[in-house]
Amino acid sequence: MLTEEQITETRTTLHELQIEHHDLNQVIDHLMLNPPPDDLLVRRLKKRKLLLKDRIVLLEHMLEPDVLA
């Protein structure tokens, strides 16, 4: 079980990751709409976005674990 301090730190980290994920989404959209896109850069950004999403889901699960788990 997490302490109050760990919960606060986890929520702060979660919020920062969500902001970064959103920002990456905007950058990717901008790059795609302003051809010619740098395919390598877009792939790297999409990969980073997926990694962030995985971390976000993990932290959300830590903060709100499933009752049935």
N, C-alpha and C. Protein backbone atom coordinates (compact mmCIF):
# COMPACT_ATOMS: atom_id res chain seq x y z
N MET A 1 0.84 -1.18 0.00
CA MET A 1 0.00 0.00 0.00
C MET A 1 0.89 1.24 0.00
N LEU A 2 0.45 2.27 -0.73
CA LEU A 2 1.24 3.49 -0.86
C LEU A 2 0.99 4.43 0.32
N THR A 3 2.07 5.12 0.71
CA THR A 3 1.92 6.16 1.74
C THR A 3 1.32 7.40 1.10
N GLU A 4 0.89 8.34 1.92
CA GLU A 4 0.33 9.59 1.38
C GLU A 4 1.37 10.32 0.54
N GLU A 5 2.62 10.30 0.97
CA GLU A 5 3.69 10.96 0.21
C GLU A 5 3.89 10.29 -1.14
N GLN A 6 3.86 8.96 -1.18
CA GLN A 6 4.00 8.23 -2.43
C GLN A 6 2.82 8.51 -3.37
N ILE A 7 1.64 8.59 -2.80
CA ILE A 7 0.45 8.89 -3.59
C ILE A 7 0.57 10.28 -4.21
N THR A 8 1.01 11.26 -3.42
CA THR A 8 1.19 12.62 -3.93
C THR A 8 2.24 12.66 -5.03
N GLU A 9 3.37 11.97 -4.82
CA GLU A 9 4.43 11.93 -5.83
C GLU A 9 3.95 11.24 -7.10
N THR A 10 3.20 10.16 -6.93
CA THR A 10 2.69 9.41 -8.08
C THR A 10 1.70 10.26 -8.87
N ARG A 11 0.83 10.98 -8.17
CA ARG A 11 -0.13 11.85 -8.86
C ARG A 11 0.58 12.97 -9.61
N THR A 12 1.63 13.53 -9.01
CA THR A 12 2.41 14.58 -9.67
C THR A 12 3.07 14.03 -10.92
N THR A 13 3.69 12.87 -10.82
CA THR A 13 4.33 12.23 -11.97
C THR A 13 3.29 11.92 -13.04
N LEU A 14 2.16 11.40 -12.63
CA LEU A 14 1.08 11.07 -13.57
C LEU A 14 0.64 12.31 -14.34
N HIS A 15 0.45 13.39 -13.63
CA HIS A 15 0.03 14.64 -14.26
C HIS A 15 1.07 15.12 -15.28
N GLU A 16 2.34 15.07 -14.91
CA GLU A 16 3.42 15.48 -15.82
C GLU A 16 3.45 14.61 -17.07
N LEU A 17 3.26 13.31 -16.90
CA LEU A 17 3.25 12.39 -18.04
C LEU A 17 2.05 12.65 -18.95
N GLN A 18 0.91 12.95 -18.35
CA GLN A 18 -0.28 13.23 -19.15
C GLN A 18 -0.08 14.50 -19.99
N ILE A 19 0.56 15.51 -19.41
CA ILE A 19 0.85 16.74 -20.14
C ILE A 19 1.82 16.46 -21.28
N GLU A 20 2.88 15.71 -21.00
CA GLU A 20 3.84 15.38 -22.04
C GLU A 20 3.18 14.57 -23.16
N HIS A 21 2.32 13.63 -22.80
CA HIS A 21 1.61 12.81 -23.78
C HIS A 21 0.75 13.71 -24.68
N HIS A 22 0.04 14.63 -24.08
CA HIS A 22 -0.79 15.56 -24.83
C HIS A 22 0.07 16.43 -25.76
N ASP A 23 1.17 16.95 -25.24
CA ASP A 23 2.07 17.79 -26.04
C ASP A 23 2.62 17.01 -27.23
N LEU A 24 3.02 15.77 -27.00
CA LEU A 24 3.54 14.94 -28.09
C LEU A 24 2.47 14.72 -29.16
N ASN A 25 1.26 14.51 -28.72
CA ASN A 25 0.16 14.33 -29.66
C ASN A 25 0.01 15.56 -30.55
N GLN A 26 0.11 16.74 -29.97
CA GLN A 26 0.00 17.97 -30.74
C GLN A 26 1.16 18.12 -31.72
N VAL A 27 2.37 17.80 -31.28
CA VAL A 27 3.54 17.90 -32.16
C VAL A 27 3.40 16.92 -33.33
N ILE A 28 2.99 15.70 -33.04
CA ILE A 28 2.81 14.69 -34.10
C ILE A 28 1.76 15.17 -35.10
N ASP A 29 0.64 15.66 -34.60
CA ASP A 29 -0.41 16.17 -35.49
C ASP A 29 0.12 17.31 -36.36
N HIS A 30 0.86 18.22 -35.77
CA HIS A 30 1.42 19.35 -36.51
C HIS A 30 2.38 18.86 -37.60
N LEU A 31 3.24 17.92 -37.25
CA LEU A 31 4.19 17.39 -38.23
C LEU A 31 3.47 16.69 -39.39
N MET A 32 2.41 15.99 -39.07
CA MET A 32 1.68 15.26 -40.11
C MET A 32 0.91 16.20 -41.04
N LEU A 33 0.48 17.34 -40.52
CA LEU A 33 -0.31 18.29 -41.32
C LEU A 33 0.56 19.25 -42.13
N ASN A 34 1.85 19.28 -41.84
CA ASN A 34 2.75 20.20 -42.53
C ASN A 34 3.83 19.42 -43.27
N PRO A 35 3.45 18.85 -44.41
CA PRO A 35 4.38 18.00 -45.16
C PRO A 35 5.58 18.80 -45.66
N PRO A 36 6.65 18.14 -45.99
CA PRO A 36 6.78 16.69 -45.84
C PRO A 36 7.19 16.35 -44.41
N PRO A 37 6.51 15.41 -43.79
CA PRO A 37 6.87 15.05 -42.41
C PRO A 37 8.19 14.29 -42.37
N ASP A 38 8.88 14.48 -41.29
CA ASP A 38 10.11 13.73 -41.03
C ASP A 38 9.67 12.38 -40.46
N ASP A 39 9.64 11.36 -41.31
CA ASP A 39 9.10 10.05 -40.90
C ASP A 39 9.80 9.48 -39.68
N LEU A 40 11.11 9.60 -39.63
CA LEU A 40 11.85 9.07 -38.48
C LEU A 40 11.45 9.79 -37.21
N LEU A 41 11.37 11.10 -37.28
CA LEU A 41 10.98 11.88 -36.10
C LEU A 41 9.57 11.51 -35.66
N VAL A 42 8.66 11.40 -36.61
CA VAL A 42 7.27 11.04 -36.28
C VAL A 42 7.22 9.67 -35.62
N ARG A 43 7.96 8.70 -36.16
CA ARG A 43 7.98 7.36 -35.55
C ARG A 43 8.54 7.41 -34.14
N ARG A 44 9.60 8.17 -33.94
CA ARG A 44 10.19 8.29 -32.59
C ARG A 44 9.22 8.93 -31.61
N LEU A 45 8.53 9.97 -32.06
CA LEU A 45 7.57 10.64 -31.19
C LEU A 45 6.40 9.73 -30.86
N LYS A 46 5.93 8.99 -31.84
CA LYS A 46 4.82 8.06 -31.59
C LYS A 46 5.24 6.96 -30.61
N LYS A 47 6.48 6.48 -30.75
CA LYS A 47 6.98 5.46 -29.82
C LYS A 47 7.06 6.03 -28.41
N ARG A 48 7.57 7.25 -28.29
CA ARG A 48 7.65 7.91 -26.97
C ARG A 48 6.26 8.08 -26.39
N LYS A 49 5.31 8.47 -27.23
CA LYS A 49 3.93 8.66 -26.79
C LYS A 49 3.34 7.35 -26.25
N LEU A 50 3.60 6.24 -26.95
CA LEU A 50 3.12 4.94 -26.47
C LEU A 50 3.75 4.55 -25.15
N LEU A 51 5.05 4.81 -25.00
CA LEU A 51 5.71 4.51 -23.73
C LEU A 51 5.12 5.34 -22.60
N LEU A 52 4.84 6.60 -22.88
CA LEU A 52 4.22 7.46 -21.88
C LEU A 52 2.84 6.93 -21.50
N LYS A 53 2.08 6.51 -22.50
CA LYS A 53 0.74 5.98 -22.23
C LYS A 53 0.81 4.75 -21.33
N ASP A 54 1.79 3.88 -21.57
CA ASP A 54 1.97 2.70 -20.73
C ASP A 54 2.28 3.10 -19.29
N ARG A 55 3.15 4.09 -19.12
CA ARG A 55 3.48 4.55 -17.76
C ARG A 55 2.28 5.20 -17.09
N ILE A 56 1.50 5.95 -17.87
CA ILE A 56 0.31 6.59 -17.33
C ILE A 56 -0.67 5.54 -16.81
N VAL A 57 -0.90 4.51 -17.61
CA VAL A 57 -1.82 3.43 -17.20
C VAL A 57 -1.30 2.74 -15.95
N LEU A 58 -0.01 2.49 -15.89
CA LEU A 58 0.59 1.84 -14.72
C LEU A 58 0.39 2.70 -13.47
N LEU A 59 0.67 3.99 -13.57
CA LEU A 59 0.51 4.88 -12.41
C LEU A 59 -0.95 5.01 -12.01
N GLU A 60 -1.84 5.08 -12.99
CA GLU A 60 -3.27 5.13 -12.66
C GLU A 60 -3.70 3.87 -11.92
N HIS A 61 -3.18 2.74 -12.35
CA HIS A 61 -3.51 1.48 -11.69
C HIS A 61 -2.96 1.46 -10.26
N MET A 62 -1.77 2.03 -10.06
CA MET A 62 -1.20 2.10 -8.72
C MET A 62 -2.06 2.94 -7.80
N LEU A 63 -2.64 4.02 -8.34
CA LEU A 63 -3.46 4.91 -7.54
C LEU A 63 -4.86 4.37 -7.30
N GLU A 64 -5.38 3.61 -8.27
CA GLU A 64 -6.73 3.06 -8.17
C GLU A 64 -6.72 1.59 -8.58
N PRO A 65 -6.16 0.71 -7.75
CA PRO A 65 -6.11 -0.71 -8.13
C PRO A 65 -7.51 -1.30 -8.25
N ASP A 66 -7.62 -2.29 -9.14
CA ASP A 66 -8.90 -2.98 -9.33
C ASP A 66 -9.31 -3.69 -8.04
N VAL A 67 -10.56 -3.59 -7.71
CA VAL A 67 -11.09 -4.23 -6.51
C VAL A 67 -11.06 -5.75 -6.69
N LEU A 68 -11.28 -6.23 -7.91
CA LEU A 68 -11.34 -7.67 -8.15
C LEU A 68 -9.96 -8.31 -8.31
N ALA A 69 -8.92 -7.51 -8.44
CA ALA A 69 -7.58 -8.06 -8.67
C ALA A 69 -7.04 -8.76 -7.45
